[in-house]
Amino acid sequence: MPITAHEIETLLRESFPDAQITVQGDDGAHFAAEVIDASFAGKNRVQQQRAVYAALKGKMDGSHGELHALALTTKAPG
C-alpha cells in the first residue's frame, strides 16, 4: 500500500515534535523531506539522517518497504 507525504510527516513528528518538517512527493514511493530540529545540534549529517530513518520505523526497509526513495535534508536551526 502506498505511503503518503502526510503519513511520513506524522511518523517524523512523533520523534521530532518541535521540528520544522517539510515532506514533498505524490507518487506514493518517492519523496523529499527536510527536517530542521534542535536535537541535530552537534551531530554530523550521518547521525542526523540515521535519527530520521529510525523515526520512519522500518518503512524504508528493503524491497518490501512502503517508502522506496527519500531525498533527505537535515540540519539544526539557525
Protein backbone atom coordinates (compact mmCIF):
# COMPACT_ATOMS: atom_id res chain seq x y z
CA MET A 1 0.00 0.00 0.00
CA PRO A 2 1.50 3.37 -0.97
CA ILE A 3 2.52 5.76 1.76
CA THR A 4 1.60 9.46 1.67
CA ALA A 5 3.59 12.58 2.44
CA HIS A 6 1.23 13.21 5.37
CA GLU A 7 1.94 9.76 6.83
CA ILE A 8 5.69 10.36 6.59
CA GLU A 9 5.31 13.71 8.32
CA THR A 10 3.22 12.10 11.07
CA LEU A 11 5.89 9.46 11.71
CA LEU A 12 8.62 12.10 11.81
CA ARG A 13 6.57 14.34 14.09
CA GLU A 14 6.38 11.53 16.68
CA SER A 15 10.18 11.60 17.07
CA PHE A 16 10.70 15.29 16.34
CA PRO A 17 7.64 17.08 17.78
CA ASP A 18 9.17 20.56 17.65
CA ALA A 19 10.89 20.22 14.29
CA GLN A 20 10.22 22.16 11.14
CA ILE A 21 9.26 19.34 8.75
CA THR A 22 8.51 19.57 5.05
CA VAL A 23 7.67 16.46 3.01
CA GLN A 24 7.05 16.57 -0.73
CA GLY A 25 6.10 13.88 -3.23
CA ASP A 26 2.90 12.42 -4.54
CA ASP A 27 3.69 9.17 -6.32
CA GLY A 28 3.41 7.01 -3.21
CA ALA A 29 7.04 5.88 -3.24
CA HIS A 30 9.47 8.76 -3.89
CA PHE A 31 9.64 11.72 -1.55
CA ALA A 32 11.82 14.60 -0.43
CA ALA A 33 11.91 15.66 3.22
CA GLU A 34 13.56 18.45 5.14
CA VAL A 35 13.79 18.12 8.91
CA ILE A 36 15.17 21.02 10.96
CA ASP A 37 15.42 20.17 14.64
CA ALA A 38 17.42 21.37 17.65
CA SER A 39 18.32 17.76 18.51
CA PHE A 40 20.63 17.76 15.47
CA ALA A 41 22.96 20.36 17.00
CA GLY A 42 26.44 18.89 17.36
CA LYS A 43 25.63 15.82 15.26
CA ASN A 44 27.11 15.16 11.86
CA ARG A 45 24.89 14.65 8.82
CA VAL A 46 25.07 10.85 9.02
CA GLN A 47 23.95 10.89 12.67
CA GLN A 48 21.12 13.26 11.81
CA GLN A 49 19.91 11.14 8.93
CA ARG A 50 20.11 7.92 10.95
CA ALA A 51 17.83 9.53 13.54
CA VAL A 52 15.32 10.39 10.82
CA TYR A 53 15.44 6.91 9.29
CA ALA A 54 14.90 5.40 12.76
CA ALA A 55 11.81 7.60 13.13
CA LEU A 56 10.38 6.07 9.95
CA LYS A 57 10.06 2.75 11.82
CA GLY A 58 11.07 0.39 9.04
CA LYS A 59 9.03 1.99 6.26
CA MET A 60 12.19 2.03 4.09
CA ASP A 61 13.39 -1.49 4.93
CA GLY A 62 14.43 -3.46 1.90
CA SER A 63 12.45 -4.07 -1.26
CA HIS A 64 9.24 -4.59 0.72
CA GLY A 65 9.29 -1.20 2.43
CA GLU A 66 6.44 1.19 1.67
CA LEU A 67 8.82 4.08 1.08
CA HIS A 68 11.27 3.42 -1.74
CA ALA A 69 13.17 6.70 -2.02
CA LEU A 70 13.61 9.66 0.27
CA ALA A 71 15.79 12.63 -0.58
CA LEU A 72 16.62 13.85 2.90
CA THR A 73 17.90 17.20 4.15
CA THR A 74 18.59 17.57 7.87
CA LYS A 75 20.03 20.40 9.93
CA ALA A 76 19.87 22.18 13.25
CA PRO A 77 18.02 25.51 13.33
CA GLY A 78 19.86 28.78 12.98
